[in-house]
Amino acid sequence: LVVGQSVIRFKPNPGQAKTDRDIEERFAELREREQEWPVSSLAEMHGRRYLLQPTALELFFVHAAPALFNFSAPDVRFKAYKQLKAVRGSKGLRVKYCEAPRAQHLREVREKWVNRRISNFE
């Protein structure tokens, strides 16, 4: 995911190939999957889980289908989120993203509730 001042561009990771022919075929296939959206069309961002890990970010655009991006780690996802928010600005942007300190607090409260150390009324 490449974030510029005016464009958000998705370029798939080529991965590993064993022969030159495999590399050429792989790059041709990946070029077809490249996509780009104007930053101004970004309407919403939601932090998501992928394979039960908080590593994905779903982007919703005004006149395009939503896109789900999975990152290698939660901190990489957070960097992408911060960069998108900085480039796009917060005016007119809806965000549903639980940042690390708040997520940790919610986890602790949920654990206390599950272990019956607190009730629904606390």
PDB file of N, CA and C in Angstrom:
ATOM      1  N   LEU A   1       0.857  -1.168   0.000  1.00  0.00           N
ATOM      2  CA  LEU A   1       0.000   0.000   0.000  1.00  0.00           C
ATOM      3  C   LEU A   1       0.900   1.226   0.000  1.00  0.00           C
ATOM      4  N   VAL A   2       0.743   2.075  -1.006  1.00  0.00           N
ATOM      5  CA  VAL A   2       1.538   3.295  -1.133  1.00  0.00           C
ATOM      6  C   VAL A   2       0.589   4.475  -1.007  1.00  0.00           C
ATOM      7  N   VAL A   3       0.855   5.350  -0.043  1.00  0.00           N
ATOM      8  CA  VAL A   3      -0.002   6.504   0.191  1.00  0.00           C
ATOM      9  C   VAL A   3       0.735   7.757  -0.248  1.00  0.00           C
ATOM     10  N   GLY A   4       0.172   8.446  -1.235  1.00  0.00           N
ATOM     11  CA  GLY A   4       0.731   9.708  -1.701  1.00  0.00           C
ATOM     12  C   GLY A   4      -0.154  10.859  -1.266  1.00  0.00           C
ATOM     13  N   GLN A   5       0.182  12.062  -1.681  1.00  0.00           N
ATOM     14  CA  GLN A   5      -0.608  13.234  -1.308  1.00  0.00           C
ATOM     15  C   GLN A   5      -1.986  13.243  -1.963  1.00  0.00           C
ATOM     16  N   SER A   6      -2.102  12.659  -3.153  1.00  0.00           N
ATOM     17  CA  SER A   6      -3.380  12.701  -3.858  1.00  0.00           C
ATOM     18  C   SER A   6      -3.921  11.330  -4.231  1.00  0.00           C
ATOM     19  N   VAL A   7      -3.102  10.269  -4.099  1.00  0.00           N
ATOM     20  CA  VAL A   7      -3.504   8.939  -4.558  1.00  0.00           C
ATOM     21  C   VAL A   7      -3.100   7.873  -3.545  1.00  0.00           C
ATOM     22  N   ILE A   8      -3.998   6.899  -3.354  1.00  0.00           N
ATOM     23  CA  ILE A   8      -3.692   5.691  -2.586  1.00  0.00           C
ATOM     24  C   ILE A   8      -3.513   4.583  -3.617  1.00  0.00           C
ATOM     25  N   ARG A   9      -2.357   3.935  -3.610  1.00  0.00           N
ATOM     26  CA  ARG A   9      -2.052   2.927  -4.631  1.00  0.00           C
ATOM     27  C   ARG A   9      -1.742   1.588  -3.964  1.00  0.00           C
ATOM     28  N   PHE A  10      -2.366   0.550  -4.481  1.00  0.00           N
ATOM     29  CA  PHE A  10      -2.104  -0.812  -4.018  1.00  0.00           C
ATOM     30  C   PHE A  10      -1.221  -1.519  -5.031  1.00  0.00           C
ATOM     31  N   LYS A  11      -0.064  -1.982  -4.568  1.00  0.00           N
ATOM     32  CA  LYS A  11       0.845  -2.764  -5.404  1.00  0.00           C
ATOM     33  C   LYS A  11       1.105  -4.067  -4.668  1.00  0.00           C
ATOM     34  N   PRO A  12       0.636  -5.201  -5.192  1.00  0.00           N
ATOM     35  CA  PRO A  12       0.824  -6.478  -4.501  1.00  0.00           C
ATOM     36  C   PRO A  12       2.294  -6.836  -4.342  1.00  0.00           C
ATOM     37  N   ASN A  13       2.586  -7.558  -3.285  1.00  0.00           N
ATOM     38  CA  ASN A  13       3.934  -8.045  -3.024  1.00  0.00           C
ATOM     39  C   ASN A  13       4.224  -9.212  -3.973  1.00  0.00           C
ATOM     40  N   PRO A  14       5.347  -9.181  -4.711  1.00  0.00           N
ATOM     41  CA  PRO A  14       5.605 -10.246  -5.677  1.00  0.00           C
ATOM     42  C   PRO A  14       5.931 -11.597  -5.059  1.00  0.00           C
ATOM     43  N   GLY A  15       6.347 -11.648  -3.827  1.00  0.00           N
ATOM     44  CA  GLY A  15       6.684 -12.922  -3.218  1.00  0.00           C
ATOM     45  C   GLY A  15       7.959 -13.496  -3.802  1.00  0.00           C
ATOM     46  N   GLN A  16       8.088 -14.803  -3.759  1.00  0.00           N
ATOM     47  CA  GLN A  16       9.298 -15.441  -4.268  1.00  0.00           C
ATOM     48  C   GLN A  16       8.969 -16.325  -5.460  1.00  0.00           C
ATOM     49  N   ALA A  17       9.849 -16.295  -6.448  1.00  0.00           N
ATOM     50  CA  ALA A  17       9.710 -17.158  -7.626  1.00  0.00           C
ATOM     51  C   ALA A  17      11.042 -17.867  -7.845  1.00  0.00           C
ATOM     52  N   LYS A  18      10.986 -19.061  -8.428  1.00  0.00           N
ATOM     53  CA  LYS A  18      12.199 -19.866  -8.561  1.00  0.00           C
ATOM     54  C   LYS A  18      12.924 -19.673  -9.881  1.00  0.00           C
ATOM     55  N   THR A  19      12.216 -19.374 -10.945  1.00  0.00           N
ATOM     56  CA  THR A  19      12.861 -19.218 -12.246  1.00  0.00           C
ATOM     57  C   THR A  19      12.505 -17.870 -12.848  1.00  0.00           C
ATOM     58  N   ASP A  20      13.265 -17.492 -13.895  1.00  0.00           N
ATOM     59  CA  ASP A  20      12.988 -16.218 -14.569  1.00  0.00           C
ATOM     60  C   ASP A  20      11.602 -16.207 -15.180  1.00  0.00           C
ATOM     61  N   ARG A  21      11.181 -17.340 -15.713  1.00  0.00           N
ATOM     62  CA  ARG A  21       9.850 -17.420 -16.312  1.00  0.00           C
ATOM     63  C   ARG A  21       8.768 -17.218 -15.252  1.00  0.00           C
ATOM     64  N   ASP A  22       8.974 -17.832 -14.091  1.00  0.00           N
ATOM     65  CA  ASP A  22       8.027 -17.647 -12.990  1.00  0.00           C
ATOM     66  C   ASP A  22       7.947 -16.176 -12.577  1.00  0.00           C
ATOM     67  N   ILE A  23       9.092 -15.509 -12.544  1.00  0.00           N
ATOM     68  CA  ILE A  23       9.129 -14.101 -12.163  1.00  0.00           C
ATOM     69  C   ILE A  23       8.346 -13.256 -13.153  1.00  0.00           C
ATOM     70  N   GLU A  24       8.566 -13.493 -14.459  1.00  0.00           N
ATOM     71  CA  GLU A  24       7.859 -12.729 -15.487  1.00  0.00           C
ATOM     72  C   GLU A  24       6.354 -12.947 -15.396  1.00  0.00           C
ATOM     73  N   GLU A  25       5.930 -14.198 -15.227  1.00  0.00           N
ATOM     74  CA  GLU A  25       4.502 -14.502 -15.117  1.00  0.00           C
ATOM     75  C   GLU A  25       3.904 -13.866 -13.867  1.00  0.00           C
ATOM     76  N   ARG A  26       4.648 -13.927 -12.785  1.00  0.00           N
ATOM     77  CA  ARG A  26       4.163 -13.382 -11.518  1.00  0.00           C
ATOM     78  C   ARG A  26       3.979 -11.862 -11.612  1.00  0.00           C
ATOM     79  N   PHE A  27       4.971 -11.170 -12.200  1.00  0.00           N
ATOM     80  CA  PHE A  27       4.862  -9.717 -12.325  1.00  0.00           C
ATOM     81  C   PHE A  27       3.726  -9.318 -13.261  1.00  0.00           C
ATOM     82  N   ALA A  28       3.515 -10.073 -14.311  1.00  0.00           N
ATOM     83  CA  ALA A  28       2.404  -9.772 -15.227  1.00  0.00           C
ATOM     84  C   ALA A  28       1.072  -9.921 -14.500  1.00  0.00           C
ATOM     85  N   GLU A  29       0.964 -10.967 -13.717  1.00  0.00           N
ATOM     86  CA  GLU A  29      -0.260 -11.205 -12.944  1.00  0.00           C
ATOM     87  C   GLU A  29      -0.475 -10.089 -11.914  1.00  0.00           C
ATOM     88  N   LEU A  30       0.597  -9.658 -11.256  1.00  0.00           N
ATOM     89  CA  LEU A  30       0.489  -8.634 -10.223  1.00  0.00           C
ATOM     90  C   LEU A  30       0.158  -7.267 -10.802  1.00  0.00           C
ATOM     91  N   ARG A  31       0.675  -6.955 -11.988  1.00  0.00           N
ATOM     92  CA  ARG A  31       0.368  -5.677 -12.622  1.00  0.00           C
ATOM     93  C   ARG A  31      -1.131  -5.533 -12.870  1.00  0.00           C
ATOM     94  N   GLU A  32      -1.781  -6.659 -13.174  1.00  0.00           N
ATOM     95  CA  GLU A  32      -3.231  -6.633 -13.404  1.00  0.00           C
ATOM     96  C   GLU A  32      -3.997  -6.344 -12.115  1.00  0.00           C
ATOM     97  N   ARG A  33      -3.420  -6.687 -10.976  1.00  0.00           N
ATOM     98  CA  ARG A  33      -4.103  -6.521  -9.698  1.00  0.00           C
ATOM     99  C   ARG A  33      -3.836  -5.165  -9.035  1.00  0.00           C
ATOM    100  N   GLU A  34      -2.940  -4.365  -9.611  1.00  0.00           N
ATOM    101  CA  GLU A  34      -2.668  -3.041  -9.053  1.00  0.00           C
ATOM    102  C   GLU A  34      -3.912  -2.165  -9.154  1.00  0.00           C
ATOM    103  N   GLN A  35      -4.141  -1.369  -8.104  1.00  0.00           N
ATOM    104  CA  GLN A  35      -5.294  -0.472  -8.089  1.00  0.00           C
ATOM    105  C   GLN A  35      -4.883   0.867  -7.512  1.00  0.00           C
ATOM    106  N   GLU A  36      -5.687   1.875  -7.799  1.00  0.00           N
ATOM    107  CA  GLU A  36      -5.399   3.205  -7.294  1.00  0.00           C
ATOM    108  C   GLU A  36      -6.704   3.960  -7.070  1.00  0.00           C
ATOM    109  N   TRP A  37      -6.739   4.740  -5.973  1.00  0.00           N
ATOM    110  CA  TRP A  37      -7.907   5.522  -5.613  1.00  0.00           C
ATOM    111  C   TRP A  37      -7.468   6.937  -5.243  1.00  0.00           C
ATOM    112  N   PRO A  38      -8.268   7.947  -5.552  1.00  0.00           N
ATOM    113  CA  PRO A  38      -7.942   9.310  -5.093  1.00  0.00           C
ATOM    114  C   PRO A  38      -8.121   9.403  -3.579  1.00  0.00           C
ATOM    115  N   VAL A  39      -7.216  10.084  -2.919  1.00  0.00           N
ATOM    116  CA  VAL A  39      -7.295  10.247  -1.463  1.00  0.00           C
ATOM    117  C   VAL A  39      -8.597  10.942  -1.081  1.00  0.00           C
ATOM    118  N   SER A  40      -9.039  11.869  -1.895  1.00  0.00           N
ATOM    119  CA  SER A  40     -10.263  12.617  -1.590  1.00  0.00           C
ATOM    120  C   SER A  40     -11.512  11.733  -1.577  1.00  0.00           C
ATOM    121  N   SER A  41     -11.453  10.550  -2.205  1.00  0.00           N
ATOM    122  CA  SER A  41     -12.623   9.672  -2.233  1.00  0.00           C
ATOM    123  C   SER A  41     -12.693   8.739  -1.023  1.00  0.00           C
ATOM    124  N   LEU A  42     -11.697   8.786  -0.138  1.00  0.00           N
ATOM    125  CA  LEU A  42     -11.709   7.955   1.071  1.00  0.00           C
ATOM    126  C   LEU A  42     -12.769   8.480   2.028  1.00  0.00           C
ATOM    127  N   ALA A  43     -13.761   7.653   2.337  1.00  0.00           N
ATOM    128  CA  ALA A  43     -14.878   8.076   3.184  1.00  0.00           C
ATOM    129  C   ALA A  43     -14.789   7.519   4.606  1.00  0.00           C
ATOM    130  N   GLU A  44     -14.335   6.272   4.740  1.00  0.00           N
ATOM    131  CA  GLU A  44     -14.274   5.627   6.057  1.00  0.00           C
ATOM    132  C   GLU A  44     -13.061   4.714   6.136  1.00  0.00           C
ATOM    133  N   MET A  45     -12.551   4.536   7.371  1.00  0.00           N
ATOM    134  CA  MET A  45     -11.487   3.570   7.659  1.00  0.00           C
ATOM    135  C   MET A  45     -11.907   2.769   8.882  1.00  0.00           C
ATOM    136  N   HIS A  46     -11.787   1.457   8.803  1.00  0.00           N
ATOM    137  CA  HIS A  46     -12.127   0.596   9.933  1.00  0.00           C
ATOM    138  C   HIS A  46     -10.978  -0.364  10.188  1.00  0.00           C
ATOM    139  N   GLY A  47     -10.541  -0.433  11.439  1.00  0.00           N
ATOM    140  CA  GLY A  47      -9.577  -1.451  11.829  1.00  0.00           C
ATOM    141  C   GLY A  47     -10.294  -2.793  11.868  1.00  0.00           C
ATOM    142  N   ARG A  48      -9.696  -3.813  11.291  1.00  0.00           N
ATOM    143  CA  ARG A  48     -10.330  -5.139  11.229  1.00  0.00           C
ATOM    144  C   ARG A  48      -9.363  -6.215  11.703  1.00  0.00           C
ATOM    145  N   ARG A  49      -9.922  -7.382  11.957  1.00  0.00           N
ATOM    146  CA  ARG A  49      -9.122  -8.565  12.269  1.00  0.00           C
ATOM    147  C   ARG A  49      -9.033  -9.428  11.021  1.00  0.00           C
ATOM    148  N   TYR A  50      -7.883 -10.044  10.836  1.00  0.00           N
ATOM    149  CA  TYR A  50      -7.688 -11.007   9.753  1.00  0.00           C
ATOM    150  C   TYR A  50      -7.050 -12.225  10.383  1.00  0.00           C
ATOM    151  N   LEU A  51      -7.686 -13.383  10.239  1.00  0.00           N
ATOM    152  CA  LEU A  51      -7.254 -14.623  10.903  1.00  0.00           C
ATOM    153  C   LEU A  51      -7.097 -14.402  12.409  1.00  0.00           C
ATOM    154  N   LEU A  52      -8.080 -13.700  12.987  1.00  0.00           N
ATOM    155  CA  LEU A  52      -8.169 -13.392  14.415  1.00  0.00           C
ATOM    156  C   LEU A  52      -7.046 -12.499  14.923  1.00  0.00           C
ATOM    157  N   GLN A  53      -6.301 -11.867  14.046  1.00  0.00           N
ATOM    158  CA  GLN A  53      -5.231 -10.950  14.434  1.00  0.00           C
ATOM    159  C   GLN A  53      -5.618  -9.527  14.026  1.00  0.00           C
ATOM    160  N   PRO A  54      -5.337  -8.536  14.860  1.00  0.00           N
ATOM    161  CA  PRO A  54      -5.705  -7.148  14.520  1.00  0.00           C
ATOM    162  C   PRO A  54      -4.705  -6.530  13.538  1.00  0.00           C
ATOM    163  N   THR A  55      -4.656  -7.071  12.329  1.00  0.00           N
ATOM    164  CA  THR A  55      -3.659  -6.633  11.352  1.00  0.00           C
ATOM    165  C   THR A  55      -4.259  -6.058  10.074  1.00  0.00           C
ATOM    166  N   ALA A  56      -5.566  -5.954   9.980  1.00  0.00           N
ATOM    167  CA  ALA A  56      -6.190  -5.509   8.727  1.00  0.00           C
ATOM    168  C   ALA A  56      -6.801  -4.116   8.868  1.00  0.00           C
ATOM    169  N   LEU A  57      -6.912  -3.454   7.736  1.00  0.00           N
ATOM    170  CA  LEU A  57      -7.512  -2.135   7.669  1.00  0.00           C
ATOM    171  C   LEU A  57      -8.434  -2.119   6.456  1.00  0.00           C
ATOM    172  N   GLU A  58      -9.703  -1.785   6.680  1.00  0.00           N
ATOM    173  CA  GLU A  58     -10.672  -1.738   5.578  1.00  0.00           C
ATOM    174  C   GLU A  58     -10.940  -0.280   5.233  1.00  0.00           C
ATOM    175  N   LEU A  59     -10.809   0.031   3.952  1.00  0.00           N
ATOM    176  CA  LEU A  59     -11.028   1.385   3.463  1.00  0.00           C
ATOM    177  C   LEU A  59     -12.305   1.421   2.638  1.00  0.00           C
ATOM    178  N   PHE A  60     -13.143   2.409   2.886  1.00  0.00           N
ATOM    179  CA  PHE A  60     -14.381   2.602   2.142  1.00  0.00           C
ATOM    180  C   PHE A  60     -14.250   3.884   1.330  1.00  0.00           C
ATOM    181  N   PHE A  61     -14.601   3.796   0.066  1.00  0.00           N
ATOM    182  CA  PHE A  61     -14.467   4.927  -0.844  1.00  0.00           C
ATOM    183  C   PHE A  61     -15.849   5.409  -1.275  1.00  0.00           C
ATOM    184  N   VAL A  62     -15.923   6.657  -1.722  1.00  0.00           N
ATOM    185  CA  VAL A  62     -17.194   7.261  -2.100  1.00  0.00           C
ATOM    186  C   VAL A  62     -17.810   6.547  -3.303  1.00  0.00           C
ATOM    187  N   HIS A  63     -17.055   6.375  -4.379  1.00  0.00           N
ATOM    188  CA  HIS A  63     -17.608   5.797  -5.608  1.00  0.00           C
ATOM    189  C   HIS A  63     -16.884   4.526  -6.024  1.00  0.00           C
ATOM    190  N   ALA A  64     -16.405   3.748  -5.075  1.00  0.00           N
ATOM    191  CA  ALA A  64     -15.703   2.502  -5.408  1.00  0.00           C
ATOM    192  C   ALA A  64     -15.998   1.458  -4.330  1.00  0.00           C
ATOM    193  N   ALA A  65     -15.718   0.226  -4.660  1.00  0.00           N
ATOM    194  CA  ALA A  65     -15.923  -0.866  -3.707  1.00  0.00           C
ATOM    195  C   ALA A  65     -14.917  -0.738  -2.559  1.00  0.00           C
ATOM    196  N   PRO A  66     -15.279  -1.212  -1.366  1.00  0.00           N
ATOM    197  CA  PRO A  66     -14.331  -1.166  -0.250  1.00  0.00           C
ATOM    198  C   PRO A  66     -13.136  -2.080  -0.516  1.00  0.00           C
ATOM    199  N   ALA A  67     -12.042  -1.797   0.169  1.00  0.00           N
ATOM    200  CA  ALA A  67     -10.827  -2.589   0.019  1.00  0.00           C
ATOM    201  C   ALA A  67     -10.312  -2.978   1.400  1.00  0.00           C
ATOM    202  N   LEU A  68      -9.946  -4.244   1.567  1.00  0.00           N
ATOM    203  CA  LEU A  68      -9.408  -4.751   2.825  1.00  0.00           C
ATOM    204  C   LEU A  68      -7.928  -5.044   2.625  1.00  0.00           C
ATOM    205  N   PHE A  69      -7.087  -4.449   3.481  1.00  0.00           N
ATOM    206  CA  PHE A  69      -5.643  -4.647   3.401  1.00  0.00           C
ATOM    207  C   PHE A  69      -5.175  -5.323   4.675  1.00  0.00           C
ATOM    208  N   ASN A  70      -4.421  -6.400   4.524  1.00  0.00           N
ATOM    209  CA  ASN A  70      -3.848  -7.095   5.666  1.00  0.00           C
ATOM    210  C   ASN A  70      -2.365  -6.759   5.737  1.00  0.00           C
ATOM    211  N   PHE A  71      -1.920  -6.330   6.910  1.00  0.00           N
ATOM    212  CA  PHE A  71      -0.523  -5.962   7.117  1.00  0.00           C
ATOM    213  C   PHE A  71       0.186  -7.046   7.920  1.00  0.00           C
ATOM    214  N   SER A  72       1.498  -6.978   7.951  1.00  0.00           N
ATOM    215  CA  SER A  72       2.284  -8.028   8.597  1.00  0.00           C
ATOM    216  C   SER A  72       2.168  -8.010  10.118  1.00  0.00           C
ATOM    217  N   ALA A  73       1.875  -6.852  10.705  1.00  0.00           N
ATOM    218  CA  ALA A  73       1.788  -6.738  12.166  1.00  0.00           C
ATOM    219  C   ALA A  73       0.870  -5.573  12.526  1.00  0.00           C
ATOM    220  N   PRO A  74       0.338  -5.569  13.753  1.00  0.00           N
ATOM    221  CA  PRO A  74      -0.539  -4.469  14.162  1.00  0.00           C
ATOM    222  C   PRO A  74       0.135  -3.100  14.105  1.00  0.00           C
ATOM    223  N   ASP A  75       1.425  -3.028  14.422  1.00  0.00           N
ATOM    224  CA  ASP A  75       2.095  -1.726  14.383  1.00  0.00           C
ATOM    225  C   ASP A  75       2.251  -1.212  12.953  1.00  0.00           C
ATOM    226  N   VAL A  76       2.385  -2.099  11.979  1.00  0.00           N
ATOM    227  CA  VAL A  76       2.448  -1.687  10.569  1.00  0.00           C
ATOM    228  C   VAL A  76       1.078  -1.148  10.147  1.00  0.00           C
ATOM    229  N   ARG A  77       0.028  -1.828  10.583  1.00  0.00           N
ATOM    230  CA  ARG A  77      -1.330  -1.352  10.292  1.00  0.00           C
ATOM    231  C   ARG A  77      -1.552   0.029  10.900  1.00  0.00           C
ATOM    232  N   PHE A  78      -1.070   0.232  12.119  1.00  0.00           N
ATOM    233  CA  PHE A  78      -1.248   1.509  12.796  1.00  0.00           C
ATOM    234  C   PHE A  78      -0.508   2.630  12.052  1.00  0.00           C
ATOM    235  N   LYS A  79       0.690   2.338  11.545  1.00  0.00           N
ATOM    236  CA  LYS A  79       1.445   3.334  10.770  1.00  0.00           C
ATOM    237  C   LYS A  79       0.681   3.707   9.498  1.00  0.00           C
ATOM    238  N   ALA A  80       0.102   2.712   8.824  1.00  0.00           N
ATOM    239  CA  ALA A  80      -0.676   2.982   7.611  1.00  0.00           C
ATOM    240  C   ALA A  80      -1.902   3.821   7.951  1.00  0.00           C
ATOM    241  N   TYR A  81      -2.560   3.489   9.041  1.00  0.00           N
ATOM    242  CA  TYR A  81      -3.730   4.252   9.496  1.00  0.00           C
ATOM    243  C   TYR A  81      -3.363   5.703   9.762  1.00  0.00           C
ATOM    244  N   LYS A  82      -2.268   5.932  10.489  1.00  0.00           N
ATOM    245  CA  LYS A  82      -1.839   7.284  10.811  1.00  0.00           C
ATOM    246  C   LYS A  82      -1.483   8.065   9.546  1.00  0.00           C
ATOM    247  N   GLN A  83      -0.804   7.402   8.614  1.00  0.00           N
ATOM    248  CA  GLN A  83      -0.414   8.071   7.383  1.00  0.00           C
ATOM    249  C   GLN A  83      -1.643   8.441   6.547  1.00  0.00           C
ATOM    250  N   LEU A  84      -2.594   7.522   6.439  1.00  0.00           N
ATOM    251  CA  LEU A  84      -3.823   7.811   5.701  1.00  0.00           C
ATOM    252  C   LEU A  84      -4.594   8.954   6.348  1.00  0.00           C
ATOM    253  N   LYS A  85      -4.672   8.939   7.658  1.00  0.00           N
ATOM    254  CA  LYS A  85      -5.406   9.985   8.371  1.00  0.00           C
ATOM    255  C   LYS A  85      -4.722  11.335   8.199  1.00  0.00           C
ATOM    256  N   ALA A  86      -3.390  11.360   8.194  1.00  0.00           N
ATOM    257  CA  ALA A  86      -2.652  12.605   8.019  1.00  0.00           C
ATOM    258  C   ALA A  86      -2.835  13.167   6.609  1.00  0.00           C
ATOM    259  N   VAL A  87      -2.791  12.301   5.619  1.00  0.00           N
ATOM    260  CA  VAL A  87      -2.928  12.745   4.227  1.00  0.00           C
ATOM    261  C   VAL A  87      -4.361  13.176   3.931  1.00  0.00           C
ATOM    262  N   ARG A  88      -5.323  12.402   4.381  1.00  0.00           N
ATOM    263  CA  ARG A  88      -6.732  12.664   4.072  1.00  0.00           C
ATOM    264  C   ARG A  88      -7.295  13.790   4.921  1.00  0.00           C
ATOM    265  N   GLY A  89      -6.829  13.915   6.168  1.00  0.00           N
ATOM    266  CA  GLY A  89      -7.431  14.872   7.084  1.00  0.00           C
ATOM    267  C   GLY A  89      -8.673  14.242   7.694  1.00  0.00           C
ATOM    268  N   SER A  90      -9.139  14.787   8.789  1.00  0.00           N
ATOM    269  CA  SER A  90     -10.270  14.171   9.480  1.00  0.00           C
ATOM    270  C   SER A  90     -11.619  14.760   9.080  1.00  0.00           C
ATOM    271  N   LYS A  91     -11.632  15.834   8.301  1.00  0.00           N
ATOM    272  CA  LYS A  91     -12.899  16.452   7.910  1.00  0.00           C
ATOM    273  C   LYS A  91     -13.674  15.528   6.969  1.00  0.00           C
ATOM    274  N   GLY A  92     -14.843  15.084   7.402  1.00  0.00           N
ATOM    275  CA  GLY A  92     -15.684  14.219   6.585  1.00  0.00           C
ATOM    276  C   GLY A  92     -15.244  12.770   6.552  1.00  0.00           C
ATOM    277  N   LEU A  93     -14.249  12.400   7.360  1.00  0.00           N
ATOM    278  CA  LEU A  93     -13.753  11.022   7.379  1.00  0.00           C
ATOM    279  C   LEU A  93     -14.268  10.320   8.622  1.00  0.00           C
ATOM    280  N   ARG A  94     -14.956   9.204   8.432  1.00  0.00           N
ATOM    281  CA  ARG A  94     -15.428   8.402   9.567  1.00  0.00           C
ATOM    282  C   ARG A  94     -14.402   7.327   9.854  1.00  0.00           C
ATOM    283  N   VAL A  95     -14.050   7.191  11.119  1.00  0.00           N
ATOM    284  CA  VAL A  95     -13.009   6.241  11.512  1.00  0.00           C
ATOM    285  C   VAL A  95     -13.530   5.350  12.622  1.00  0.00           C
ATOM    286  N   LYS A  96     -13.310   4.058  12.471  1.00  0.00           N
ATOM    287  CA  LYS A  96     -13.608   3.090  13.530  1.00  0.00           C
ATOM    288  C   LYS A  96     -12.328   2.289  13.728  1.00  0.00           C
ATOM    289  N   TYR A  97     -11.539   2.726  14.692  1.00  0.00           N
ATOM    290  CA  TYR A  97     -10.228   2.126  14.892  1.00  0.00           C
ATOM    291  C   TYR A  97      -9.915   2.199  16.368  1.00  0.00           C
ATOM    292  N   CYS A  98      -9.602   1.089  16.964  1.00  0.00           N
ATOM    293  CA  CYS A  98      -9.287   1.050  18.383  1.00  0.00           C
ATOM    294  C   CYS A  98      -7.767   1.061  18.527  1.00  0.00           C
ATOM    295  N   GLU A  99      -7.230   2.157  19.028  1.00  0.00           N
ATOM    296  CA  GLU A  99      -5.786   2.279  19.154  1.00  0.00           C
ATOM    297  C   GLU A  99      -5.280   1.422  20.307  1.00  0.00           C
ATOM    298  N   ALA A 100      -4.002   1.123  20.321  1.00  0.00           N
ATOM    299  CA  ALA A 100      -3.388   0.155  21.231  1.00  0.00           C
ATOM    300  C   ALA A 100      -3.709   0.380  22.712  1.00  0.00           C
ATOM    301  N   PRO A 101      -3.524   1.580  23.287  1.00  0.00           N
ATOM    302  CA  PRO A 101      -3.806   1.735  24.722  1.00  0.00           C
ATOM    303  C   PRO A 101      -5.273   1.462  25.065  1.00  0.00           C
ATOM    304  N   ARG A 102      -6.175   1.946  24.240  1.00  0.00           N
ATOM    305  CA  ARG A 102      -7.599   1.715  24.486  1.00  0.00           C
ATOM    306  C   ARG A 102      -7.938   0.241  24.313  1.00  0.00           C
ATOM    307  N   ALA A 103      -7.364  -0.410  23.329  1.00  0.00           N
ATOM    308  CA  ALA A 103      -7.611  -1.832  23.109  1.00  0.00           C
ATOM    309  C   ALA A 103      -7.139  -2.643  24.304  1.00  0.00           C
ATOM    310  N   GLN A 104      -5.987  -2.291  24.861  1.00  0.00           N
ATOM    311  CA  GLN A 104      -5.465  -2.992  26.035  1.00  0.00           C
ATOM    312  C   GLN A 104      -6.397  -2.805  27.223  1.00  0.00           C
ATOM    313  N   HIS A 105      -6.891  -1.594  27.420  1.00  0.00           N
ATOM    314  CA  HIS A 105      -7.821  -1.324  28.516  1.00  0.00           C
ATOM    315  C   HIS A 105      -9.110  -2.145  28.344  1.00  0.00           C
ATOM    316  N   LEU A 106      -9.654  -2.175  27.133  1.00  0.00           N
ATOM    317  CA  LEU A 106     -10.871  -2.954  26.883  1.00  0.00           C
ATOM    318  C   LEU A 106     -10.642  -4.441  27.129  1.00  0.00           C
ATOM    319  N   ARG A 107      -9.472  -4.939  26.746  1.00  0.00           N
ATOM    320  CA  ARG A 107      -9.140  -6.348  26.982  1.00  0.00           C
ATOM    321  C   ARG A 107      -9.123  -6.661  28.482  1.00  0.00           C
ATOM    322  N   GLU A 108      -8.514  -5.748  29.258  1.00  0.00           N
ATOM    323  CA  GLU A 108      -8.432  -5.947  30.708  1.00  0.00           C
ATOM    324  C   GLU A 108      -9.814  -5.928  31.348  1.00  0.00           C
ATOM    325  N   VAL A 109     -10.657  -4.991  30.947  1.00  0.00           N
ATOM    326  CA  VAL A 109     -12.011  -4.901  31.489  1.00  0.00           C
ATOM    327  C   VAL A 109     -12.809  -6.152  31.116  1.00  0.00           C
ATOM    328  N   ARG A 110     -12.699  -6.588  29.864  1.00  0.00           N
ATOM    329  CA  ARG A 110     -13.411  -7.793  29.426  1.00  0.00           C
ATOM    330  C   ARG A 110     -12.960  -9.012  30.223  1.00  0.00           C
ATOM    331  N   GLU A 111     -11.657  -9.115  30.491  1.00  0.00           N
ATOM    332  CA  GLU A 111     -11.134 -10.247  31.260  1.00  0.00           C
ATOM    333  C   GLU A 111     -11.672 -10.225  32.685  1.00  0.00           C
ATOM    334  N   LYS A 112     -11.737  -9.043  33.298  1.00  0.00           N
ATOM    335  CA  LYS A 112     -12.309  -8.935  34.641  1.00  0.00           C
ATOM    336  C   LYS A 112     -13.772  -9.355  34.642  1.00  0.00           C
ATOM    337  N   TRP A 113     -14.502  -8.951  33.609  1.00  0.00           N
ATOM    338  CA  TRP A 113     -15.923  -9.297  33.514  1.00  0.00           C
ATOM    339  C   TRP A 113     -16.104 -10.804  33.339  1.00  0.00           C
ATOM    340  N   VAL A 114     -15.310 -11.410  32.476  1.00  0.00           N
ATOM    341  CA  VAL A 114     -15.398 -12.853  32.250  1.00  0.00           C
ATOM    342  C   VAL A 114     -15.089 -13.617  33.537  1.00  0.00           C
ATOM    343  N   ASN A 115     -14.124 -13.149  34.303  1.00  0.00           N
ATOM    344  CA  ASN A 115     -13.750 -13.809  35.558  1.00  0.00           C
ATOM    345  C   ASN A 115     -14.625 -13.383  36.730  1.00  0.00           C
ATOM    346  N   ARG A 116     -15.689 -12.626  36.446  1.00  0.00           N
ATOM    347  CA  ARG A 116     -16.681 -12.192  37.431  1.00  0.00           C
ATOM    348  C   ARG A 116     -16.103 -11.323  38.542  1.00  0.00           C
ATOM    349  N   ARG A 117     -15.078 -10.549  38.195  1.00  0.00           N
ATOM    350  CA  ARG A 117     -14.528  -9.604  39.170  1.00  0.00           C
ATOM    351  C   ARG A 117     -15.263  -8.275  39.105  1.00  0.00           C
ATOM    352  N   ILE A 118     -15.957  -8.000  37.992  1.00  0.00           N
ATOM    353  CA  ILE A 118     -16.811  -6.830  37.880  1.00  0.00           C
ATOM    354  C   ILE A 118     -18.139  -7.267  37.263  1.00  0.00           C
ATOM    355  N   SER A 119     -19.176  -6.451  37.474  1.00  0.00           N
ATOM    356  CA  SER A 119     -20.496  -6.764  36.919  1.00  0.00           C
ATOM    357  C   SER A 119     -20.804  -5.830  35.761  1.00  0.00           C
ATOM    358  N   ASN A 120     -21.952  -6.009  35.165  1.00  0.00           N
ATOM    359  CA  ASN A 120     -22.384  -5.141  34.061  1.00  0.00           C
ATOM    360  C   ASN A 120     -22.646  -3.717  34.539  1.00  0.00           C
ATOM    361  N   PHE A 121     -22.804  -3.516  35.835  1.00  0.00           N
ATOM    362  CA  PHE A 121     -23.175  -2.212  36.369  1.00  0.00           C
ATOM    363  C   PHE A 121     -21.987  -1.404  36.826  1.00  0.00           C
ATOM    364  N   GLU A 122     -20.786  -1.931  36.705  1.00  0.00           N
ATOM    365  CA  GLU A 122     -19.576  -1.193  37.131  1.00  0.00           C
ATOM    366  C   GLU A 122     -18.893  -0.577  35.948  1.00  0.00           C
TER     367      GLU A 122
END
